[in-house]
Amino acid sequence: MRMGGSTSKAKGMWPFSGSGGDSASEASDQSVARLKGSRSATPFVFTRRSSLYYDEDGDLAHEFYEETVVTKNGRRKSKLKRIQKNLIPQGIVRLDHPCIHVDFPIILCEV
């Protein structure tokens, strides 16, 4: 999966149309308010998977680091070590403003 979104894996299948093809007549008949097909999907995305994690203390962040002291040749040096264990993903979060789905096949604005 690429960063920032997801795409449909089925070749030739649009999640917003009734059939597998994407012909011009089908695209012109589609409207944003009511879509054709047995599955009426919306072009908007209301939730997404969060990239944040909880640590053991309940703190929420993208990455966690721990300061370690390394002694080398009698000198003490501090280093940051990335923590990757015991992290719990935040899960699915609701978006403040709905976004348009990546695979939405209709041109919204033509310049």
PDB file of N, CA and C in Angstrom:
ATOM      1  N   MET A   1       0.836  -1.177   0.000  1.00  0.00           N
ATOM      2  CA  MET A   1       0.000   0.000   0.000  1.00  0.00           C
ATOM      3  C   MET A   1       0.878   1.236   0.000  1.00  0.00           C
ATOM      4  N   ARG A   2       0.505   2.213  -0.807  1.00  0.00           N
ATOM      5  CA  ARG A   2       1.257   3.450  -0.862  1.00  0.00           C
ATOM      6  C   ARG A   2       0.838   4.391   0.259  1.00  0.00           C
ATOM      7  N   MET A   3       1.743   5.300   0.611  1.00  0.00           N
ATOM      8  CA  MET A   3       1.463   6.247   1.678  1.00  0.00           C
ATOM      9  C   MET A   3       0.352   7.202   1.259  1.00  0.00           C
ATOM     10  N   GLY A   4      -0.597   7.452   2.160  1.00  0.00           N
ATOM     11  CA  GLY A   4      -1.596   8.464   1.916  1.00  0.00           C
ATOM     12  C   GLY A   4      -2.873   7.972   1.267  1.00  0.00           C
ATOM     13  N   GLY A   5      -3.016   6.692   1.033  1.00  0.00           N
ATOM     14  CA  GLY A   5      -4.264   6.251   0.434  1.00  0.00           C
ATOM     15  C   GLY A   5      -4.251   4.799   0.066  1.00  0.00           C
ATOM     16  N   SER A   6      -5.354   4.374  -0.500  1.00  0.00           N
ATOM     17  CA  SER A   6      -5.462   2.999  -0.941  1.00  0.00           C
ATOM     18  C   SER A   6      -6.147   2.984  -2.289  1.00  0.00           C
ATOM     19  N   THR A   7      -5.931   1.928  -3.034  1.00  0.00           N
ATOM     20  CA  THR A   7      -6.558   1.788  -4.335  1.00  0.00           C
ATOM     21  C   THR A   7      -7.247   0.447  -4.406  1.00  0.00           C
ATOM     22  N   SER A   8      -8.190   0.327  -5.325  1.00  0.00           N
ATOM     23  CA  SER A   8      -8.860  -0.951  -5.488  1.00  0.00           C
ATOM     24  C   SER A   8      -7.939  -1.889  -6.255  1.00  0.00           C
ATOM     25  N   LYS A   9      -7.928  -3.147  -5.862  1.00  0.00           N
ATOM     26  CA  LYS A   9      -7.017  -4.117  -6.457  1.00  0.00           C
ATOM     27  C   LYS A   9      -7.625  -4.813  -7.676  1.00  0.00           C
ATOM     28  N   ALA A  10      -8.959  -4.814  -7.821  1.00  0.00           N
ATOM     29  CA  ALA A  10      -9.598  -5.499  -8.932  1.00  0.00           C
ATOM     30  C   ALA A  10      -9.377  -4.712 -10.215  1.00  0.00           C
ATOM     31  N   LYS A  11      -8.900  -5.398 -11.244  1.00  0.00           N
ATOM     32  CA  LYS A  11      -8.594  -4.724 -12.495  1.00  0.00           C
ATOM     33  C   LYS A  11      -9.891  -4.441 -13.256  1.00  0.00           C
ATOM     34  N   GLY A  12     -10.079  -3.179 -13.662  1.00  0.00           N
ATOM     35  CA  GLY A  12     -11.251  -2.812 -14.430  1.00  0.00           C
ATOM     36  C   GLY A  12     -12.507  -2.611 -13.610  1.00  0.00           C
ATOM     37  N   MET A  13     -12.457  -2.806 -12.322  1.00  0.00           N
ATOM     38  CA  MET A  13     -13.634  -2.648 -11.473  1.00  0.00           C
ATOM     39  C   MET A  13     -13.556  -1.320 -10.755  1.00  0.00           C
ATOM     40  N   TRP A  14     -14.532  -0.449 -10.969  1.00  0.00           N
ATOM     41  CA  TRP A  14     -14.616   0.807 -10.255  1.00  0.00           C
ATOM     42  C   TRP A  14     -15.588   0.622  -9.109  1.00  0.00           C
ATOM     43  N   PRO A  15     -15.216   1.007  -7.910  1.00  0.00           N
ATOM     44  CA  PRO A  15     -16.125   0.804  -6.788  1.00  0.00           C
ATOM     45  C   PRO A  15     -17.350   1.703  -6.847  1.00  0.00           C
ATOM     46  N   PHE A  16     -17.389   2.665  -7.766  1.00  0.00           N
ATOM     47  CA  PHE A  16     -18.481   3.620  -7.823  1.00  0.00           C
ATOM     48  C   PHE A  16     -19.393   3.403  -9.018  1.00  0.00           C
ATOM     49  N   SER A  17     -19.167   2.359  -9.813  1.00  0.00           N
ATOM     50  CA  SER A  17     -20.020   2.110 -10.966  1.00  0.00           C
ATOM     51  C   SER A  17     -20.656   0.744 -10.853  1.00  0.00           C
ATOM     52  N   GLY A  18     -21.685   0.514 -11.653  1.00  0.00           N
ATOM     53  CA  GLY A  18     -22.425  -0.734 -11.583  1.00  0.00           C
ATOM     54  C   GLY A  18     -21.703  -1.889 -12.233  1.00  0.00           C
ATOM     55  N   SER A  19     -20.905  -1.663 -13.278  1.00  0.00           N
ATOM     56  CA  SER A  19     -20.239  -2.748 -13.983  1.00  0.00           C
ATOM     57  C   SER A  19     -18.740  -2.539 -13.994  1.00  0.00           C
ATOM     58  N   GLY A  20     -18.027  -3.491 -14.607  1.00  0.00           N
ATOM     59  CA  GLY A  20     -16.577  -3.435 -14.629  1.00  0.00           C
ATOM     60  C   GLY A  20     -16.006  -2.411 -15.589  1.00  0.00           C
ATOM     61  N   GLY A  21     -16.751  -1.997 -16.604  1.00  0.00           N
ATOM     62  CA  GLY A  21     -16.223  -1.067 -17.591  1.00  0.00           C
ATOM     63  C   GLY A  21     -16.315   0.367 -17.122  1.00  0.00           C
ATOM     64  N   ASP A  22     -15.571   1.231 -17.805  1.00  0.00           N
ATOM     65  CA  ASP A  22     -15.631   2.648 -17.470  1.00  0.00           C
ATOM     66  C   ASP A  22     -15.872   3.447 -18.747  1.00  0.00           C
ATOM     67  N   SER A  23     -16.960   3.100 -19.467  1.00  0.00           N
ATOM     68  CA  SER A  23     -17.237   3.760 -20.739  1.00  0.00           C
ATOM     69  C   SER A  23     -17.738   5.173 -20.514  1.00  0.00           C
ATOM     70  N   ALA A  24     -17.681   5.985 -21.559  1.00  0.00           N
ATOM     71  CA  ALA A  24     -18.070   7.396 -21.468  1.00  0.00           C
ATOM     72  C   ALA A  24     -19.555   7.544 -21.191  1.00  0.00           C
ATOM     73  N   SER A  25     -20.401   6.655 -21.756  1.00  0.00           N
ATOM     74  CA  SER A  25     -21.842   6.761 -21.524  1.00  0.00           C
ATOM     75  C   SER A  25     -22.180   6.484 -20.068  1.00  0.00           C
ATOM     76  N   GLU A  26     -21.497   5.515 -19.469  1.00  0.00           N
ATOM     77  CA  GLU A  26     -21.731   5.232 -18.053  1.00  0.00           C
ATOM     78  C   GLU A  26     -21.296   6.395 -17.185  1.00  0.00           C
ATOM     79  N   ALA A  27     -20.140   6.973 -17.487  1.00  0.00           N
ATOM     80  CA  ALA A  27     -19.622   8.071 -16.680  1.00  0.00           C
ATOM     81  C   ALA A  27     -20.522   9.296 -16.781  1.00  0.00           C
ATOM     82  N   SER A  28     -21.112   9.545 -17.958  1.00  0.00           N
ATOM     83  CA  SER A  28     -21.972  10.719 -18.098  1.00  0.00           C
ATOM     84  C   SER A  28     -23.306  10.518 -17.402  1.00  0.00           C
ATOM     85  N   ASP A  29     -23.768   9.275 -17.271  1.00  0.00           N
ATOM     86  CA  ASP A  29     -25.042   9.004 -16.608  1.00  0.00           C
ATOM     87  C   ASP A  29     -24.927   9.006 -15.096  1.00  0.00           C
ATOM     88  N   GLN A  30     -23.717   8.914 -14.594  1.00  0.00           N
ATOM     89  CA  GLN A  30     -23.528   8.859 -13.146  1.00  0.00           C
ATOM     90  C   GLN A  30     -23.734  10.222 -12.524  1.00  0.00           C
ATOM     91  N   SER A  31     -24.265  10.239 -11.334  1.00  0.00           N
ATOM     92  CA  SER A  31     -24.348  11.481 -10.566  1.00  0.00           C
ATOM     93  C   SER A  31     -23.741  11.237  -9.195  1.00  0.00           C
ATOM     94  N   VAL A  32     -23.291  12.307  -8.555  1.00  0.00           N
ATOM     95  CA  VAL A  32     -22.659  12.172  -7.255  1.00  0.00           C
ATOM     96  C   VAL A  32     -23.683  11.788  -6.201  1.00  0.00           C
ATOM     97  N   ALA A  33     -24.910  12.294  -6.337  1.00  0.00           N
ATOM     98  CA  ALA A  33     -25.926  12.049  -5.317  1.00  0.00           C
ATOM     99  C   ALA A  33     -26.378  10.597  -5.303  1.00  0.00           C
ATOM    100  N   ARG A  34     -26.642   9.999  -6.482  1.00  0.00           N
ATOM    101  CA  ARG A  34     -27.133   8.630  -6.536  1.00  0.00           C
ATOM    102  C   ARG A  34     -26.341   7.854  -7.573  1.00  0.00           C
ATOM    103  N   LEU A  35     -25.699   6.802  -7.170  1.00  0.00           N
ATOM    104  CA  LEU A  35     -24.850   6.032  -8.072  1.00  0.00           C
ATOM    105  C   LEU A  35     -25.543   4.740  -8.484  1.00  0.00           C
ATOM    106  N   LYS A  36     -25.223   4.253  -9.695  1.00  0.00           N
ATOM    107  CA  LYS A  36     -25.811   3.026 -10.207  1.00  0.00           C
ATOM    108  C   LYS A  36     -25.195   1.807  -9.533  1.00  0.00           C
ATOM    109  N   GLY A  37     -25.868   0.680  -9.695  1.00  0.00           N
ATOM    110  CA  GLY A  37     -25.318  -0.578  -9.237  1.00  0.00           C
ATOM    111  C   GLY A  37     -26.025  -1.119  -8.020  1.00  0.00           C
ATOM    112  N   SER A  38     -25.756  -2.386  -7.750  1.00  0.00           N
ATOM    113  CA  SER A  38     -26.374  -3.009  -6.581  1.00  0.00           C
ATOM    114  C   SER A  38     -25.762  -2.463  -5.297  1.00  0.00           C
ATOM    115  N   ARG A  39     -24.485  -2.141  -5.357  1.00  0.00           N
ATOM    116  CA  ARG A  39     -23.819  -1.518  -4.203  1.00  0.00           C
ATOM    117  C   ARG A  39     -23.754  -0.031  -4.466  1.00  0.00           C
ATOM    118  N   SER A  40     -24.523   0.732  -3.738  1.00  0.00           N
ATOM    119  CA  SER A  40     -24.441   2.178  -3.927  1.00  0.00           C
ATOM    120  C   SER A  40     -23.359   2.712  -3.001  1.00  0.00           C
ATOM    121  N   ALA A  41     -22.211   2.970  -3.558  1.00  0.00           N
ATOM    122  CA  ALA A  41     -21.064   3.461  -2.792  1.00  0.00           C
ATOM    123  C   ALA A  41     -21.018   4.975  -2.880  1.00  0.00           C
ATOM    124  N   THR A  42     -20.462   5.592  -1.899  1.00  0.00           N
ATOM    125  CA  THR A  42     -20.317   7.034  -1.899  1.00  0.00           C
ATOM    126  C   THR A  42     -18.892   7.396  -2.322  1.00  0.00           C
ATOM    127  N   PRO A  43     -18.702   8.524  -3.006  1.00  0.00           N
ATOM    128  CA  PRO A  43     -17.354   8.907  -3.428  1.00  0.00           C
ATOM    129  C   PRO A  43     -16.529   9.505  -2.289  1.00  0.00           C
ATOM    130  N   PHE A  44     -17.120   9.626  -1.124  1.00  0.00           N
ATOM    131  CA  PHE A  44     -16.433  10.267  -0.005  1.00  0.00           C
ATOM    132  C   PHE A  44     -15.856   9.248   0.960  1.00  0.00           C
ATOM    133  N   VAL A  45     -14.733   9.617   1.572  1.00  0.00           N
ATOM    134  CA  VAL A  45     -14.086   8.785   2.584  1.00  0.00           C
ATOM    135  C   VAL A  45     -14.243   9.504   3.921  1.00  0.00           C
ATOM    136  N   PHE A  46     -14.805   8.816   4.902  1.00  0.00           N
ATOM    137  CA  PHE A  46     -15.072   9.421   6.199  1.00  0.00           C
ATOM    138  C   PHE A  46     -14.104   8.958   7.286  1.00  0.00           C
ATOM    139  N   THR A  47     -13.430   7.839   7.073  1.00  0.00           N
ATOM    140  CA  THR A  47     -12.486   7.313   8.062  1.00  0.00           C
ATOM    141  C   THR A  47     -11.190   6.916   7.371  1.00  0.00           C
ATOM    142  N   ARG A  48     -10.134   6.767   8.152  1.00  0.00           N
ATOM    143  CA  ARG A  48      -8.853   6.293   7.634  1.00  0.00           C
ATOM    144  C   ARG A  48      -8.114   5.577   8.756  1.00  0.00           C
ATOM    145  N   ARG A  49      -7.108   4.822   8.379  1.00  0.00           N
ATOM    146  CA  ARG A  49      -6.273   4.142   9.368  1.00  0.00           C
ATOM    147  C   ARG A  49      -5.222   5.128   9.877  1.00  0.00           C
ATOM    148  N   SER A  50      -5.115   5.230  11.183  1.00  0.00           N
ATOM    149  CA  SER A  50      -4.185   6.177  11.792  1.00  0.00           C
ATOM    150  C   SER A  50      -2.759   5.656  11.718  1.00  0.00           C
ATOM    151  N   SER A  51      -1.813   6.577  11.659  1.00  0.00           N
ATOM    152  CA  SER A  51      -0.395   6.210  11.654  1.00  0.00           C
ATOM    153  C   SER A  51       0.232   6.430  13.027  1.00  0.00           C
ATOM    154  N   LEU A  52      -0.592   6.700  14.030  1.00  0.00           N
ATOM    155  CA  LEU A  52      -0.102   6.939  15.384  1.00  0.00           C
ATOM    156  C   LEU A  52      -0.144   5.655  16.209  1.00  0.00           C
ATOM    157  N   TYR A  53       0.700   5.610  17.243  1.00  0.00           N
ATOM    158  CA  TYR A  53       0.786   4.448  18.125  1.00  0.00           C
ATOM    159  C   TYR A  53       0.742   4.884  19.581  1.00  0.00           C
ATOM    160  N   TYR A  54       0.197   4.010  20.436  1.00  0.00           N
ATOM    161  CA  TYR A  54       0.240   4.197  21.888  1.00  0.00           C
ATOM    162  C   TYR A  54       1.407   3.387  22.437  1.00  0.00           C
ATOM    163  N   ASP A  55       2.131   3.955  23.411  1.00  0.00           N
ATOM    164  CA  ASP A  55       3.192   3.183  24.071  1.00  0.00           C
ATOM    165  C   ASP A  55       2.660   2.637  25.390  1.00  0.00           C
ATOM    166  N   GLU A  56       3.542   2.054  26.205  1.00  0.00           N
ATOM    167  CA  GLU A  56       3.143   1.433  27.467  1.00  0.00           C
ATOM    168  C   GLU A  56       2.563   2.429  28.454  1.00  0.00           C
ATOM    169  N   ASP A  57       2.985   3.705  28.361  1.00  0.00           N
ATOM    170  CA  ASP A  57       2.505   4.740  29.280  1.00  0.00           C
ATOM    171  C   ASP A  57       1.208   5.389  28.811  1.00  0.00           C
ATOM    172  N   GLY A  58       0.755   5.059  27.608  1.00  0.00           N
ATOM    173  CA  GLY A  58      -0.461   5.652  27.082  1.00  0.00           C
ATOM    174  C   GLY A  58      -0.218   6.902  26.260  1.00  0.00           C
ATOM    175  N   ASP A  59       1.055   7.220  25.985  1.00  0.00           N
ATOM    176  CA  ASP A  59       1.382   8.375  25.150  1.00  0.00           C
ATOM    177  C   ASP A  59       1.111   8.035  23.687  1.00  0.00           C
ATOM    178  N   LEU A  60       0.708   9.036  22.902  1.00  0.00           N
ATOM    179  CA  LEU A  60       0.359   8.851  21.506  1.00  0.00           C
ATOM    180  C   LEU A  60       1.349   9.604  20.625  1.00  0.00           C
ATOM    181  N   ALA A  61       1.992   8.911  19.663  1.00  0.00           N
ATOM    182  CA  ALA A  61       2.970   9.551  18.783  1.00  0.00           C
ATOM    183  C   ALA A  61       3.227   8.667  17.566  1.00  0.00           C
ATOM    184  N   HIS A  62       3.922   9.234  16.570  1.00  0.00           N
ATOM    185  CA  HIS A  62       4.308   8.474  15.380  1.00  0.00           C
ATOM    186  C   HIS A  62       5.471   7.538  15.687  1.00  0.00           C
ATOM    187  N   GLU A  63       6.464   8.028  16.445  1.00  0.00           N
ATOM    188  CA  GLU A  63       7.653   7.240  16.784  1.00  0.00           C
ATOM    189  C   GLU A  63       8.000   7.489  18.251  1.00  0.00           C
ATOM    190  N   PHE A  64       8.624   6.489  18.857  1.00  0.00           N
ATOM    191  CA  PHE A  64       9.070   6.619  20.244  1.00  0.00           C
ATOM    192  C   PHE A  64      10.563   6.321  20.317  1.00  0.00           C
ATOM    193  N   TYR A  65      11.268   7.107  21.134  1.00  0.00           N
ATOM    194  CA  TYR A  65      12.708   6.934  21.307  1.00  0.00           C
ATOM    195  C   TYR A  65      13.029   6.865  22.786  1.00  0.00           C
ATOM    196  N   GLU A  66      14.106   6.130  23.094  1.00  0.00           N
ATOM    197  CA  GLU A  66      14.589   5.993  24.458  1.00  0.00           C
ATOM    198  C   GLU A  66      16.049   6.445  24.490  1.00  0.00           C
ATOM    199  N   GLU A  67      16.389   7.243  25.480  1.00  0.00           N
ATOM    200  CA  GLU A  67      17.763   7.735  25.589  1.00  0.00           C
ATOM    201  C   GLU A  67      18.610   6.675  26.284  1.00  0.00           C
ATOM    202  N   THR A  68      19.713   6.293  25.662  1.00  0.00           N
ATOM    203  CA  THR A  68      20.643   5.329  26.248  1.00  0.00           C
ATOM    204  C   THR A  68      22.024   5.961  26.350  1.00  0.00           C
ATOM    205  N   VAL A  69      22.756   5.562  27.368  1.00  0.00           N
ATOM    206  CA  VAL A  69      24.109   6.085  27.579  1.00  0.00           C
ATOM    207  C   VAL A  69      25.101   5.016  27.155  1.00  0.00           C
ATOM    208  N   VAL A  70      25.996   5.393  26.244  1.00  0.00           N
ATOM    209  CA  VAL A  70      27.003   4.473  25.727  1.00  0.00           C
ATOM    210  C   VAL A  70      28.365   4.958  26.211  1.00  0.00           C
ATOM    211  N   THR A  71      29.144   4.030  26.812  1.00  0.00           N
ATOM    212  CA  THR A  71      30.499   4.368  27.254  1.00  0.00           C
ATOM    213  C   THR A  71      31.480   3.771  26.262  1.00  0.00           C
ATOM    214  N   LYS A  72      32.280   4.646  25.653  1.00  0.00           N
ATOM    215  CA  LYS A  72      33.255   4.195  24.663  1.00  0.00           C
ATOM    216  C   LYS A  72      34.567   4.923  24.946  1.00  0.00           C
ATOM    217  N   ASN A  73      35.635   4.177  25.183  1.00  0.00           N
ATOM    218  CA  ASN A  73      36.958   4.723  25.486  1.00  0.00           C
ATOM    219  C   ASN A  73      36.911   5.679  26.692  1.00  0.00           C
ATOM    220  N   GLY A  74      36.113   5.328  27.676  1.00  0.00           N
ATOM    221  CA  GLY A  74      36.031   6.150  28.878  1.00  0.00           C
ATOM    222  C   GLY A  74      35.155   7.378  28.738  1.00  0.00           C
ATOM    223  N   ARG A  75      34.587   7.609  27.584  1.00  0.00           N
ATOM    224  CA  ARG A  75      33.708   8.766  27.383  1.00  0.00           C
ATOM    225  C   ARG A  75      32.260   8.296  27.372  1.00  0.00           C
ATOM    226  N   ARG A  76      31.422   9.056  28.028  1.00  0.00           N
ATOM    227  CA  ARG A  76      29.998   8.750  28.050  1.00  0.00           C
ATOM    228  C   ARG A  76      29.301   9.548  26.964  1.00  0.00           C
ATOM    229  N   LYS A  77      28.523   8.854  26.163  1.00  0.00           N
ATOM    230  CA  LYS A  77      27.826   9.499  25.066  1.00  0.00           C
ATOM    231  C   LYS A  77      26.354   9.061  25.083  1.00  0.00           C
ATOM    232  N   SER A  78      25.452  10.014  24.935  1.00  0.00           N
ATOM    233  CA  SER A  78      24.022   9.702  24.911  1.00  0.00           C
ATOM    234  C   SER A  78      23.570   9.457  23.482  1.00  0.00           C
ATOM    235  N   LYS A  79      22.763   8.432  23.314  1.00  0.00           N
ATOM    236  CA  LYS A  79      22.199   8.108  22.008  1.00  0.00           C
ATOM    237  C   LYS A  79      20.704   7.874  22.171  1.00  0.00           C
ATOM    238  N   LEU A  80      19.968   8.118  21.090  1.00  0.00           N
ATOM    239  CA  LEU A  80      18.548   7.821  21.078  1.00  0.00           C
ATOM    240  C   LEU A  80      18.317   6.494  20.353  1.00  0.00           C
ATOM    241  N   LYS A  81      17.603   5.594  21.024  1.00  0.00           N
ATOM    242  CA  LYS A  81      17.306   4.292  20.457  1.00  0.00           C
ATOM    243  C   LYS A  81      15.811   4.234  20.171  1.00  0.00           C
ATOM    244  N   ARG A  82      15.454   3.867  18.956  1.00  0.00           N
ATOM    245  CA  ARG A  82      14.040   3.820  18.575  1.00  0.00           C
ATOM    246  C   ARG A  82      13.372   2.598  19.198  1.00  0.00           C
ATOM    247  N   ILE A  83      12.199   2.819  19.782  1.00  0.00           N
ATOM    248  CA  ILE A  83      11.422   1.734  20.393  1.00  0.00           C
ATOM    249  C   ILE A  83      10.428   1.227  19.358  1.00  0.00           C
ATOM    250  N   GLN A  84      10.421  -0.097  19.115  1.00  0.00           N
ATOM    251  CA  GLN A  84       9.500  -0.687  18.155  1.00  0.00           C
ATOM    252  C   GLN A  84       8.664  -1.801  18.761  1.00  0.00           C
ATOM    253  N   LYS A  85       8.906  -2.135  20.009  1.00  0.00           N
ATOM    254  CA  LYS A  85       8.155  -3.197  20.679  1.00  0.00           C
ATOM    255  C   LYS A  85       7.132  -2.593  21.630  1.00  0.00           C
ATOM    256  N   ASN A  86       6.082  -3.350  21.899  1.00  0.00           N
ATOM    257  CA  ASN A  86       5.017  -2.968  22.829  1.00  0.00           C
ATOM    258  C   ASN A  86       4.298  -1.690  22.414  1.00  0.00           C
ATOM    259  N   LEU A  87       4.151  -1.465  21.124  1.00  0.00           N
ATOM    260  CA  LEU A  87       3.394  -0.318  20.627  1.00  0.00           C
ATOM    261  C   LEU A  87       2.056  -0.811  20.097  1.00  0.00           C
ATOM    262  N   ILE A  88       0.985  -0.072  20.403  1.00  0.00           N
ATOM    263  CA  ILE A  88      -0.362  -0.438  19.990  1.00  0.00           C
ATOM    264  C   ILE A  88      -0.847   0.600  18.974  1.00  0.00           C
ATOM    265  N   PRO A  89      -1.260   0.175  17.771  1.00  0.00           N
ATOM    266  CA  PRO A  89      -1.751   1.138  16.786  1.00  0.00           C
ATOM    267  C   PRO A  89      -3.040   1.808  17.257  1.00  0.00           C
ATOM    268  N   GLN A  90      -3.228   3.062  16.886  1.00  0.00           N
ATOM    269  CA  GLN A  90      -4.425   3.797  17.293  1.00  0.00           C
ATOM    270  C   GLN A  90      -5.668   3.230  16.621  1.00  0.00           C
ATOM    271  N   GLY A  91      -5.541   2.744  15.401  1.00  0.00           N
ATOM    272  CA  GLY A  91      -6.677   2.138  14.708  1.00  0.00           C
ATOM    273  C   GLY A  91      -7.317   3.081  13.707  1.00  0.00           C
ATOM    274  N   ILE A  92      -8.624   2.923  13.502  1.00  0.00           N
ATOM    275  CA  ILE A  92      -9.376   3.718  12.543  1.00  0.00           C
ATOM    276  C   ILE A  92      -9.828   5.010  13.203  1.00  0.00           C
ATOM    277  N   VAL A  93      -9.571   6.143  12.536  1.00  0.00           N
ATOM    278  CA  VAL A  93      -9.986   7.449  13.053  1.00  0.00           C
ATOM    279  C   VAL A  93     -10.939   8.105  12.062  1.00  0.00           C
ATOM    280  N   ARG A  94     -11.862   8.869  12.578  1.00  0.00           N
ATOM    281  CA  ARG A  94     -12.819   9.597  11.757  1.00  0.00           C
ATOM    282  C   ARG A  94     -12.194  10.907  11.282  1.00  0.00           C
ATOM    283  N   LEU A  95     -12.356  11.232   9.995  1.00  0.00           N
ATOM    284  CA  LEU A  95     -11.818  12.463   9.433  1.00  0.00           C
ATOM    285  C   LEU A  95     -12.709  13.645   9.810  1.00  0.00           C
ATOM    286  N   ASP A  96     -12.099  14.809  10.045  1.00  0.00           N
ATOM    287  CA  ASP A  96     -12.862  16.020  10.350  1.00  0.00           C
ATOM    288  C   ASP A  96     -13.690  16.453   9.136  1.00  0.00           C
ATOM    289  N   HIS A  97     -13.074  16.379   7.961  1.00  0.00           N
ATOM    290  CA  HIS A  97     -13.745  16.743   6.715  1.00  0.00           C
ATOM    291  C   HIS A  97     -13.641  15.551   5.774  1.00  0.00           C
ATOM    292  N   PRO A  98     -14.745  15.111   5.166  1.00  0.00           N
ATOM    293  CA  PRO A  98     -14.673  13.973   4.240  1.00  0.00           C
ATOM    294  C   PRO A  98     -13.772  14.280   3.048  1.00  0.00           C
ATOM    295  N   CYS A  99     -13.051  13.282   2.589  1.00  0.00           N
ATOM    296  CA  CYS A  99     -12.191  13.404   1.412  1.00  0.00           C
ATOM    297  C   CYS A  99     -12.815  12.622   0.260  1.00  0.00           C
ATOM    298  N   ILE A 100     -12.413  12.928  -0.961  1.00  0.00           N
ATOM    299  CA  ILE A 100     -12.885  12.186  -2.123  1.00  0.00           C
ATOM    300  C   ILE A 100     -12.000  10.958  -2.294  1.00  0.00           C
ATOM    301  N   HIS A 101     -12.630   9.827  -2.572  1.00  0.00           N
ATOM    302  CA  HIS A 101     -11.916   8.554  -2.706  1.00  0.00           C
ATOM    303  C   HIS A 101     -10.909   8.619  -3.848  1.00  0.00           C
ATOM    304  N   VAL A 102      -9.802   7.922  -3.694  1.00  0.00           N
ATOM    305  CA  VAL A 102      -8.718   7.913  -4.676  1.00  0.00           C
ATOM    306  C   VAL A 102      -9.191   7.370  -6.023  1.00  0.00           C
ATOM    307  N   ASP A 103     -10.070   6.388  -6.013  1.00  0.00           N
ATOM    308  CA  ASP A 103     -10.521   5.729  -7.238  1.00  0.00           C
ATOM    309  C   ASP A 103     -11.782   6.349  -7.829  1.00  0.00           C
ATOM    310  N   PHE A 104     -12.157   7.550  -7.428  1.00  0.00           N
ATOM    311  CA  PHE A 104     -13.375   8.174  -7.950  1.00  0.00           C
ATOM    312  C   PHE A 104     -13.172   8.510  -9.423  1.00  0.00           C
ATOM    313  N   PRO A 105     -13.996   7.932 -10.342  1.00  0.00           N
ATOM    314  CA  PRO A 105     -13.696   8.013 -11.778  1.00  0.00           C
ATOM    315  C   PRO A 105     -14.262   9.226 -12.516  1.00  0.00           C
ATOM    316  N   ILE A 106     -14.886  10.172 -11.854  1.00  0.00           N
ATOM    317  CA  ILE A 106     -15.514  11.305 -12.536  1.00  0.00           C
ATOM    318  C   ILE A 106     -14.627  12.537 -12.426  1.00  0.00           C
ATOM    319  N   ILE A 107     -14.502  13.300 -13.512  1.00  0.00           N
ATOM    320  CA  ILE A 107     -13.733  14.540 -13.493  1.00  0.00           C
ATOM    321  C   ILE A 107     -14.564  15.583 -12.766  1.00  0.00           C
ATOM    322  N   LEU A 108     -14.004  16.166 -11.724  1.00  0.00           N
ATOM    323  CA  LEU A 108     -14.732  17.133 -10.912  1.00  0.00           C
ATOM    324  C   LEU A 108     -14.601  18.547 -11.455  1.00  0.00           C
ATOM    325  N   CYS A 109     -13.415  18.897 -11.969  1.00  0.00           N
ATOM    326  CA  CYS A 109     -13.172  20.247 -12.461  1.00  0.00           C
ATOM    327  C   CYS A 109     -12.213  20.139 -13.650  1.00  0.00           C
ATOM    328  N   GLU A 110     -12.604  20.755 -14.754  1.00  0.00           N
ATOM    329  CA  GLU A 110     -11.753  20.729 -15.937  1.00  0.00           C
ATOM    330  C   GLU A 110     -11.349  22.161 -16.270  1.00  0.00           C
ATOM    331  N   VAL A 111     -10.079  22.395 -16.432  1.00  0.00           N
ATOM    332  CA  VAL A 111      -9.586  23.748 -16.682  1.00  0.00           C
ATOM    333  C   VAL A 111      -9.286  23.936 -18.151  1.00  0.00           C
TER     334      VAL A 111
END
